[in-house]
Amino acid sequence: MLRFILSVMVSVVSVVGAQAQTPFPARFVEAGQTIVVPKGDYVQTRDCIVRQGGTLILEAGARVRVSGLGVPVQVYGTLEVRGTAADPVVIEPDASGICGTVAAYWVSGPRPRVIANHLQLTTTKNTNSMLLSFAEFAISNSVIENRSTSASRVCILAGNNAVGSISDSYLKCLDDGIAETAGVVVGNGSASRQADDVELVNVITEDCKDPVRIRKKFALISGTIQ
């Protein structure tokens, strides 16, 4: 097991009640709308798209079982995960075994925002468990796993001018001894959009060949590997 600790310097509100195995209540979160998903057990069978200007909030204790979706949550606006140590927010596959990427995308205008505390995310499909493109983000006290069979497995990719922090979190990849695996990838490898600013504090990785992979022309890094 590779353990890694690194610091990088570089309206409208709807509340939906939950019952056992309730269908996930959000399909589209429109501009100016906030949808709050309270504690409860949910099954998600359709992608949830958070439009620019919309906000999706997952409250402590929300447990989402994803059924065969490659990108279950697409964020153009804001995603807030408000888990606690006692009641984390869980996103994981159901019996179908397929749960893909939680992804933030930028088109134009404000950055997408992903703020996640005590999130437990298990991905079984796609290269990235969490994709943060041009996003403003703060991931803390979270467990992000990539159990996909992709030839390249990444827990968190922060690229295209992404800005934010990952702290006190645990990142784990499925290890088959062959695949390229990484806990965090900074930058997307292109010649443009290389001003990514990512701070990592008390991040532990397991079964990741690269705890942090830098795919950009330069980076200022300080820290220790244990």
C-alpha atoms as a PDB file:
ATOM      1  CA  MET A   1       0.000   0.000   0.000  1.00  0.00           C
ATOM      2  CA  LEU A   2       1.304   3.438  -0.910  1.00  0.00           C
ATOM      3  CA  ARG A   3       0.499   6.134   1.606  1.00  0.00           C
ATOM      4  CA  PHE A   4       0.764   9.695   0.437  1.00  0.00           C
ATOM      5  CA  ILE A   5       0.594  13.030   2.250  1.00  0.00           C
ATOM      6  CA  LEU A   6       1.133  16.115   0.097  1.00  0.00           C
ATOM      7  CA  SER A   7       0.727  19.870   0.251  1.00  0.00           C
ATOM      8  CA  VAL A   8       0.675  21.769  -3.032  1.00  0.00           C
ATOM      9  CA  MET A   9       1.433  25.506  -3.183  1.00  0.00           C
ATOM     10  CA  VAL A  10       0.857  26.038  -6.485  1.00  0.00           C
ATOM     11  CA  SER A  11     -34.701  31.800  -5.334  1.00  0.00           C
ATOM     12  CA  VAL A  12     -36.409  28.562  -5.601  1.00  0.00           C
ATOM     13  CA  VAL A  13     -35.907  25.838  -3.028  1.00  0.00           C
ATOM     14  CA  SER A  14     -37.413  22.337  -3.267  1.00  0.00           C
ATOM     15  CA  VAL A  15     -37.089  19.734  -0.502  1.00  0.00           C
ATOM     16  CA  VAL A  16     -37.975  16.148  -1.364  1.00  0.00           C
ATOM     17  CA  GLY A  17     -38.731  13.562   1.312  1.00  0.00           C
ATOM     18  CA  ALA A  18     -37.023  10.168   1.356  1.00  0.00           C
ATOM     19  CA  GLN A  19     -38.293   6.665   1.910  1.00  0.00           C
ATOM     20  CA  ALA A  20     -36.610   3.289   1.578  1.00  0.00           C
ATOM     21  CA  GLN A  21     -35.423   2.826  -2.006  1.00  0.00           C
ATOM     22  CA  THR A  22     -36.982   6.069  -3.196  1.00  0.00           C
ATOM     23  CA  PRO A  23     -36.276   7.026  -6.825  1.00  0.00           C
ATOM     24  CA  PHE A  24     -33.640   9.748  -6.902  1.00  0.00           C
ATOM     25  CA  PRO A  25     -35.711  12.946  -6.982  1.00  0.00           C
ATOM     26  CA  ALA A  26     -33.593  15.150  -9.252  1.00  0.00           C
ATOM     27  CA  ARG A  27     -33.433  14.790 -13.035  1.00  0.00           C
ATOM     28  CA  PHE A  28     -32.771  18.390 -14.075  1.00  0.00           C
ATOM     29  CA  VAL A  29     -31.849  21.179 -11.670  1.00  0.00           C
ATOM     30  CA  GLU A  30     -32.627  24.364 -13.556  1.00  0.00           C
ATOM     31  CA  ALA A  31     -31.028  27.797 -13.281  1.00  0.00           C
ATOM     32  CA  GLY A  32     -32.243  29.575 -10.138  1.00  0.00           C
ATOM     33  CA  GLN A  33     -33.448  26.318  -8.581  1.00  0.00           C
ATOM     34  CA  THR A  34     -32.108  24.500  -5.516  1.00  0.00           C
ATOM     35  CA  ILE A  35     -33.044  20.868  -4.917  1.00  0.00           C
ATOM     36  CA  VAL A  36     -32.246  19.378  -1.519  1.00  0.00           C
ATOM     37  CA  VAL A  37     -32.024  15.584  -1.204  1.00  0.00           C
ATOM     38  CA  PRO A  38     -32.399  14.676   2.485  1.00  0.00           C
ATOM     39  CA  LYS A  39     -31.218  11.631   4.385  1.00  0.00           C
ATOM     40  CA  GLY A  40     -32.596   8.404   2.937  1.00  0.00           C
ATOM     41  CA  ASP A  41     -32.021   5.531   0.524  1.00  0.00           C
ATOM     42  CA  TYR A  42     -32.378   6.283  -3.193  1.00  0.00           C
ATOM     43  CA  VAL A  43     -32.089   4.411  -6.467  1.00  0.00           C
ATOM     44  CA  GLN A  44     -30.902   6.483  -9.435  1.00  0.00           C
ATOM     45  CA  THR A  45     -31.837   5.242 -12.908  1.00  0.00           C
ATOM     46  CA  ARG A  46     -31.422   8.505 -14.884  1.00  0.00           C
ATOM     47  CA  ASP A  47     -28.572  10.974 -15.084  1.00  0.00           C
ATOM     48  CA  CYS A  48     -28.989  14.106 -12.962  1.00  0.00           C
ATOM     49  CA  ILE A  49     -27.995  17.304 -14.784  1.00  0.00           C
ATOM     50  CA  VAL A  50     -27.368  20.434 -12.718  1.00  0.00           C
ATOM     51  CA  ARG A  51     -27.734  23.394 -15.066  1.00  0.00           C
ATOM     52  CA  GLN A  52     -25.622  26.517 -14.771  1.00  0.00           C
ATOM     53  CA  GLY A  53     -27.145  28.590 -11.961  1.00  0.00           C
ATOM     54  CA  GLY A  54     -28.776  25.539 -10.362  1.00  0.00           C
ATOM     55  CA  THR A  55     -27.788  23.900  -7.070  1.00  0.00           C
ATOM     56  CA  LEU A  56     -28.096  20.276  -5.966  1.00  0.00           C
ATOM     57  CA  ILE A  57     -27.579  19.589  -2.252  1.00  0.00           C
ATOM     58  CA  LEU A  58     -27.129  16.081  -0.866  1.00  0.00           C
ATOM     59  CA  GLU A  59     -27.760  16.134   2.862  1.00  0.00           C
ATOM     60  CA  ALA A  60     -26.009  13.978   5.463  1.00  0.00           C
ATOM     61  CA  GLY A  61     -27.135  10.367   5.305  1.00  0.00           C
ATOM     62  CA  ALA A  62     -28.276  10.406   1.672  1.00  0.00           C
ATOM     63  CA  ARG A  63     -27.370   7.045   0.134  1.00  0.00           C
ATOM     64  CA  VAL A  64     -27.645   6.866  -3.657  1.00  0.00           C
ATOM     65  CA  ARG A  65     -27.436   3.520  -5.431  1.00  0.00           C
ATOM     66  CA  VAL A  66     -26.725   4.137  -9.097  1.00  0.00           C
ATOM     67  CA  SER A  67     -28.235   1.761 -11.636  1.00  0.00           C
ATOM     68  CA  GLY A  68     -26.167   1.423 -14.803  1.00  0.00           C
ATOM     69  CA  LEU A  69     -25.249   5.099 -15.379  1.00  0.00           C
ATOM     70  CA  GLY A  70     -21.943   6.241 -16.904  1.00  0.00           C
ATOM     71  CA  VAL A  71     -22.215   9.830 -15.629  1.00  0.00           C
ATOM     72  CA  PRO A  72     -24.828   9.833 -12.862  1.00  0.00           C
ATOM     73  CA  VAL A  73     -24.248  13.480 -11.868  1.00  0.00           C
ATOM     74  CA  GLN A  74     -23.324  16.200 -14.416  1.00  0.00           C
ATOM     75  CA  VAL A  75     -22.591  19.557 -12.803  1.00  0.00           C
ATOM     76  CA  TYR A  76     -22.648  22.819 -14.745  1.00  0.00           C
ATOM     77  CA  GLY A  77     -23.856  24.740 -11.693  1.00  0.00           C
ATOM     78  CA  THR A  78     -23.235  23.772  -8.052  1.00  0.00           C
ATOM     79  CA  LEU A  79     -23.110  20.434  -6.236  1.00  0.00           C
ATOM     80  CA  GLU A  80     -22.922  20.471  -2.437  1.00  0.00           C
ATOM     81  CA  VAL A  81     -22.389  17.248  -0.495  1.00  0.00           C
ATOM     82  CA  ARG A  82     -23.089  17.855   3.191  1.00  0.00           C
ATOM     83  CA  GLY A  83     -22.113  14.574   4.779  1.00  0.00           C
ATOM     84  CA  THR A  84     -20.892  14.167   8.345  1.00  0.00           C
ATOM     85  CA  ALA A  85     -18.630  11.633  10.038  1.00  0.00           C
ATOM     86  CA  ALA A  86     -21.697   9.904  11.501  1.00  0.00           C
ATOM     87  CA  ASP A  87     -23.808  10.220   8.328  1.00  0.00           C
ATOM     88  CA  PRO A  88     -21.694  10.370   5.160  1.00  0.00           C
ATOM     89  CA  VAL A  89     -23.228  10.810   1.734  1.00  0.00           C
ATOM     90  CA  VAL A  90     -22.791   7.595  -0.244  1.00  0.00           C
ATOM     91  CA  ILE A  91     -22.865   7.235  -4.046  1.00  0.00           C
ATOM     92  CA  GLU A  92     -22.300   3.656  -5.179  1.00  0.00           C
ATOM     93  CA  PRO A  93     -23.505   1.075  -7.728  1.00  0.00           C
ATOM     94  CA  ASP A  94     -26.636  -0.970  -7.150  1.00  0.00           C
ATOM     95  CA  ALA A  95     -26.904  -4.642  -8.085  1.00  0.00           C
ATOM     96  CA  SER A  96     -26.176  -3.739 -11.722  1.00  0.00           C
ATOM     97  CA  GLY A  97     -22.619  -2.998 -10.640  1.00  0.00           C
ATOM     98  CA  ILE A  98     -22.314   0.125 -12.809  1.00  0.00           C
ATOM     99  CA  CYS A  99     -21.698   3.566 -11.372  1.00  0.00           C
ATOM    100  CA  GLY A 100     -19.724   6.049 -13.452  1.00  0.00           C
ATOM    101  CA  THR A 101     -18.227   9.509 -13.035  1.00  0.00           C
ATOM    102  CA  VAL A 102     -19.415  12.469 -10.985  1.00  0.00           C
ATOM    103  CA  ALA A 103     -18.409  15.207 -13.419  1.00  0.00           C
ATOM    104  CA  ALA A 104     -18.265  19.001 -13.421  1.00  0.00           C
ATOM    105  CA  TYR A 105     -18.177  20.647 -16.858  1.00  0.00           C
ATOM    106  CA  TRP A 106     -17.647  24.243 -17.934  1.00  0.00           C
ATOM    107  CA  VAL A 107     -19.237  25.719 -21.050  1.00  0.00           C
ATOM    108  CA  SER A 108     -19.104  29.490 -20.498  1.00  0.00           C
ATOM    109  CA  GLY A 109     -19.695  31.982 -17.694  1.00  0.00           C
ATOM    110  CA  PRO A 110     -19.176  31.032 -14.016  1.00  0.00           C
ATOM    111  CA  ARG A 111     -17.182  27.978 -13.013  1.00  0.00           C
ATOM    112  CA  PRO A 112     -19.059  24.888 -11.894  1.00  0.00           C
ATOM    113  CA  ARG A 113     -18.679  24.336  -8.141  1.00  0.00           C
ATOM    114  CA  VAL A 114     -18.285  21.049  -6.279  1.00  0.00           C
ATOM    115  CA  ILE A 115     -18.138  21.226  -2.480  1.00  0.00           C
ATOM    116  CA  ALA A 116     -18.064  17.792  -0.862  1.00  0.00           C
ATOM    117  CA  ASN A 117     -17.604  16.862   2.792  1.00  0.00           C
ATOM    118  CA  HIS A 118     -17.750  13.250   3.968  1.00  0.00           C
ATOM    119  CA  LEU A 119     -18.554  11.829   0.538  1.00  0.00           C
ATOM    120  CA  GLN A 120     -18.102   8.112  -0.138  1.00  0.00           C
ATOM    121  CA  LEU A 121     -18.013   7.633  -3.920  1.00  0.00           C
ATOM    122  CA  THR A 122     -17.426   4.263  -5.574  1.00  0.00           C
ATOM    123  CA  THR A 123     -16.976   4.227  -9.343  1.00  0.00           C
ATOM    124  CA  THR A 124     -16.998   0.994 -11.335  1.00  0.00           C
ATOM    125  CA  LYS A 125     -17.056   2.446 -14.865  1.00  0.00           C
ATOM    126  CA  ASN A 126     -14.925   5.101 -16.672  1.00  0.00           C
ATOM    127  CA  THR A 127     -11.390   6.376 -16.192  1.00  0.00           C
ATOM    128  CA  ASN A 128     -12.238   9.051 -13.620  1.00  0.00           C
ATOM    129  CA  SER A 129     -14.281   8.683 -10.456  1.00  0.00           C
ATOM    130  CA  MET A 130     -14.560  12.466 -10.190  1.00  0.00           C
ATOM    131  CA  LEU A 131     -13.886  14.873 -13.079  1.00  0.00           C
ATOM    132  CA  LEU A 132     -13.442  18.562 -12.244  1.00  0.00           C
ATOM    133  CA  SER A 133     -13.074  20.556 -15.463  1.00  0.00           C
ATOM    134  CA  PHE A 134     -12.535  24.327 -14.944  1.00  0.00           C
ATOM    135  CA  ALA A 135     -14.272  23.778 -11.621  1.00  0.00           C
ATOM    136  CA  GLU A 136     -13.974  25.473  -8.263  1.00  0.00           C
ATOM    137  CA  PHE A 137     -13.906  22.680  -5.705  1.00  0.00           C
ATOM    138  CA  ALA A 138     -13.261  21.610  -2.127  1.00  0.00           C
ATOM    139  CA  ILE A 139     -13.216  17.895  -1.323  1.00  0.00           C
ATOM    140  CA  SER A 140     -12.723  16.995   2.339  1.00  0.00           C
ATOM    141  CA  ASN A 141     -13.018  13.990   4.670  1.00  0.00           C
ATOM    142  CA  SER A 142     -13.988  11.833   1.718  1.00  0.00           C
ATOM    143  CA  VAL A 143     -13.359   8.349   0.350  1.00  0.00           C
ATOM    144  CA  ILE A 144     -13.119   8.141  -3.452  1.00  0.00           C
ATOM    145  CA  GLU A 145     -12.639   4.714  -5.036  1.00  0.00           C
ATOM    146  CA  ASN A 146     -12.162   3.723  -8.661  1.00  0.00           C
ATOM    147  CA  ARG A 147     -13.014   0.050  -9.153  1.00  0.00           C
ATOM    148  CA  SER A 148     -13.419   0.228 -12.910  1.00  0.00           C
ATOM    149  CA  THR A 149     -11.668  -2.094 -15.338  1.00  0.00           C
ATOM    150  CA  SER A 150     -10.521   0.845 -17.464  1.00  0.00           C
ATOM    151  CA  ALA A 151      -6.900   0.704 -18.649  1.00  0.00           C
ATOM    152  CA  SER A 152      -6.394   4.038 -16.870  1.00  0.00           C
ATOM    153  CA  ARG A 153      -7.962   4.578 -13.445  1.00  0.00           C
ATOM    154  CA  VAL A 154      -8.018   7.929 -11.697  1.00  0.00           C
ATOM    155  CA  CYS A 155      -9.828   8.879  -8.504  1.00  0.00           C
ATOM    156  CA  ILE A 156      -9.922  12.652  -9.102  1.00  0.00           C
ATOM    157  CA  LEU A 157      -8.950  14.577 -12.250  1.00  0.00           C
ATOM    158  CA  ALA A 158      -8.649  18.351 -11.827  1.00  0.00           C
ATOM    159  CA  GLY A 159      -7.886  20.014 -15.164  1.00  0.00           C
ATOM    160  CA  ASN A 160      -8.689  22.830 -17.573  1.00  0.00           C
ATOM    161  CA  ASN A 161      -7.889  25.593 -15.068  1.00  0.00           C
ATOM    162  CA  ALA A 162      -9.502  23.834 -12.106  1.00  0.00           C
ATOM    163  CA  VAL A 163      -9.003  25.577  -8.753  1.00  0.00           C
ATOM    164  CA  GLY A 164      -9.521  24.000  -5.360  1.00  0.00           C
ATOM    165  CA  SER A 165      -8.419  21.675  -2.580  1.00  0.00           C
ATOM    166  CA  ILE A 166      -8.536  18.042  -1.508  1.00  0.00           C
ATOM    167  CA  SER A 167      -7.985  17.443   2.191  1.00  0.00           C
ATOM    168  CA  ASP A 168      -8.119  14.659   4.778  1.00  0.00           C
ATOM    169  CA  SER A 169      -9.297  12.188   2.150  1.00  0.00           C
ATOM    170  CA  TYR A 170      -8.598   8.607   1.068  1.00  0.00           C
ATOM    171  CA  LEU A 171      -8.226   7.643  -2.600  1.00  0.00           C
ATOM    172  CA  LYS A 172      -8.118   4.023  -3.769  1.00  0.00           C
ATOM    173  CA  CYS A 173      -7.821   2.360  -7.175  1.00  0.00           C
ATOM    174  CA  LEU A 174      -8.497  -1.216  -8.192  1.00  0.00           C
ATOM    175  CA  ASP A 175      -5.061  -2.732  -8.763  1.00  0.00           C
ATOM    176  CA  ASP A 176      -4.648  -5.420 -11.412  1.00  0.00           C
ATOM    177  CA  GLY A 177      -0.904  -4.861 -11.777  1.00  0.00           C
ATOM    178  CA  ILE A 178      -1.375  -3.646 -15.360  1.00  0.00           C
ATOM    179  CA  ALA A 179      -3.524  -0.527 -15.501  1.00  0.00           C
ATOM    180  CA  GLU A 180      -2.156   2.993 -15.109  1.00  0.00           C
ATOM    181  CA  THR A 181      -3.601   4.255 -11.839  1.00  0.00           C
ATOM    182  CA  ALA A 182      -3.468   7.613 -10.088  1.00  0.00           C
ATOM    183  CA  GLY A 183      -5.007   9.159  -7.006  1.00  0.00           C
ATOM    184  CA  VAL A 184      -5.094  12.726  -8.343  1.00  0.00           C
ATOM    185  CA  VAL A 185      -4.298  13.981 -11.839  1.00  0.00           C
ATOM    186  CA  VAL A 186      -3.561  17.699 -12.125  1.00  0.00           C
ATOM    187  CA  GLY A 187      -3.918  19.131 -15.632  1.00  0.00           C
ATOM    188  CA  ASN A 188      -5.310  17.477 -18.736  1.00  0.00           C
ATOM    189  CA  GLY A 189      -2.131  17.361 -20.797  1.00  0.00           C
ATOM    190  CA  SER A 190      -3.145  19.937 -23.393  1.00  0.00           C
ATOM    191  CA  ALA A 191      -1.035  22.971 -24.247  1.00  0.00           C
ATOM    192  CA  SER A 192      -3.785  25.365 -23.146  1.00  0.00           C
ATOM    193  CA  ARG A 193      -5.707  25.816 -19.892  1.00  0.00           C
ATOM    194  CA  GLN A 194      -2.729  24.898 -17.743  1.00  0.00           C
ATOM    195  CA  ALA A 195      -3.224  27.250 -14.786  1.00  0.00           C
ATOM    196  CA  ASP A 196      -4.659  24.570 -12.516  1.00  0.00           C
ATOM    197  CA  ASP A 197      -4.259  25.455  -8.826  1.00  0.00           C
ATOM    198  CA  VAL A 198      -4.774  22.418  -6.617  1.00  0.00           C
ATOM    199  CA  GLU A 199      -3.939  22.077  -2.932  1.00  0.00           C
ATOM    200  CA  LEU A 200      -3.629  18.619  -1.415  1.00  0.00           C
ATOM    201  CA  VAL A 201      -3.410  18.226   2.367  1.00  0.00           C
ATOM    202  CA  ASN A 202      -3.385  14.914   4.251  1.00  0.00           C
ATOM    203  CA  VAL A 203      -4.347  12.830   1.249  1.00  0.00           C
ATOM    204  CA  ILE A 204      -3.791   9.075   1.510  1.00  0.00           C
ATOM    205  CA  THR A 205      -3.712   6.853  -1.568  1.00  0.00           C
ATOM    206  CA  GLU A 206      -3.840   3.081  -1.889  1.00  0.00           C
ATOM    207  CA  ASP A 207      -2.999   0.979  -4.957  1.00  0.00           C
ATOM    208  CA  CYS A 208      -2.273   4.086  -7.043  1.00  0.00           C
ATOM    209  CA  LYS A 209       0.932   3.837  -9.064  1.00  0.00           C
ATOM    210  CA  ASP A 210       1.026   7.643  -9.127  1.00  0.00           C
ATOM    211  CA  PRO A 211      -0.336   9.247  -5.964  1.00  0.00           C
ATOM    212  CA  VAL A 212      -0.301  12.506  -7.932  1.00  0.00           C
ATOM    213  CA  ARG A 213       0.241  12.756 -11.677  1.00  0.00           C
ATOM    214  CA  ILE A 214       1.147  16.154 -13.107  1.00  0.00           C
ATOM    215  CA  ARG A 215       0.063  16.574 -16.727  1.00  0.00           C
ATOM    216  CA  LYS A 216       1.156  20.107 -17.332  1.00  0.00           C
ATOM    217  CA  LYS A 217       4.338  21.958 -18.217  1.00  0.00           C
ATOM    218  CA  PHE A 218       5.217  23.104 -14.706  1.00  0.00           C
ATOM    219  CA  ALA A 219       4.122  22.878 -11.097  1.00  0.00           C
ATOM    220  CA  LEU A 220       5.408  24.064  -7.719  1.00  0.00           C
ATOM    221  CA  ILE A 221       5.057  21.251  -5.208  1.00  0.00           C
ATOM    222  CA  SER A 222       6.220  20.625  -1.676  1.00  0.00           C
ATOM    223  CA  GLY A 223       5.387  17.711   0.555  1.00  0.00           C
ATOM    224  CA  THR A 224       6.299  14.231   1.721  1.00  0.00           C
ATOM    225  CA  ILE A 225       5.525  10.696   0.637  1.00  0.00           C
ATOM    226  CA  GLN A 226       5.212   7.988   3.256  1.00  0.00           C
END
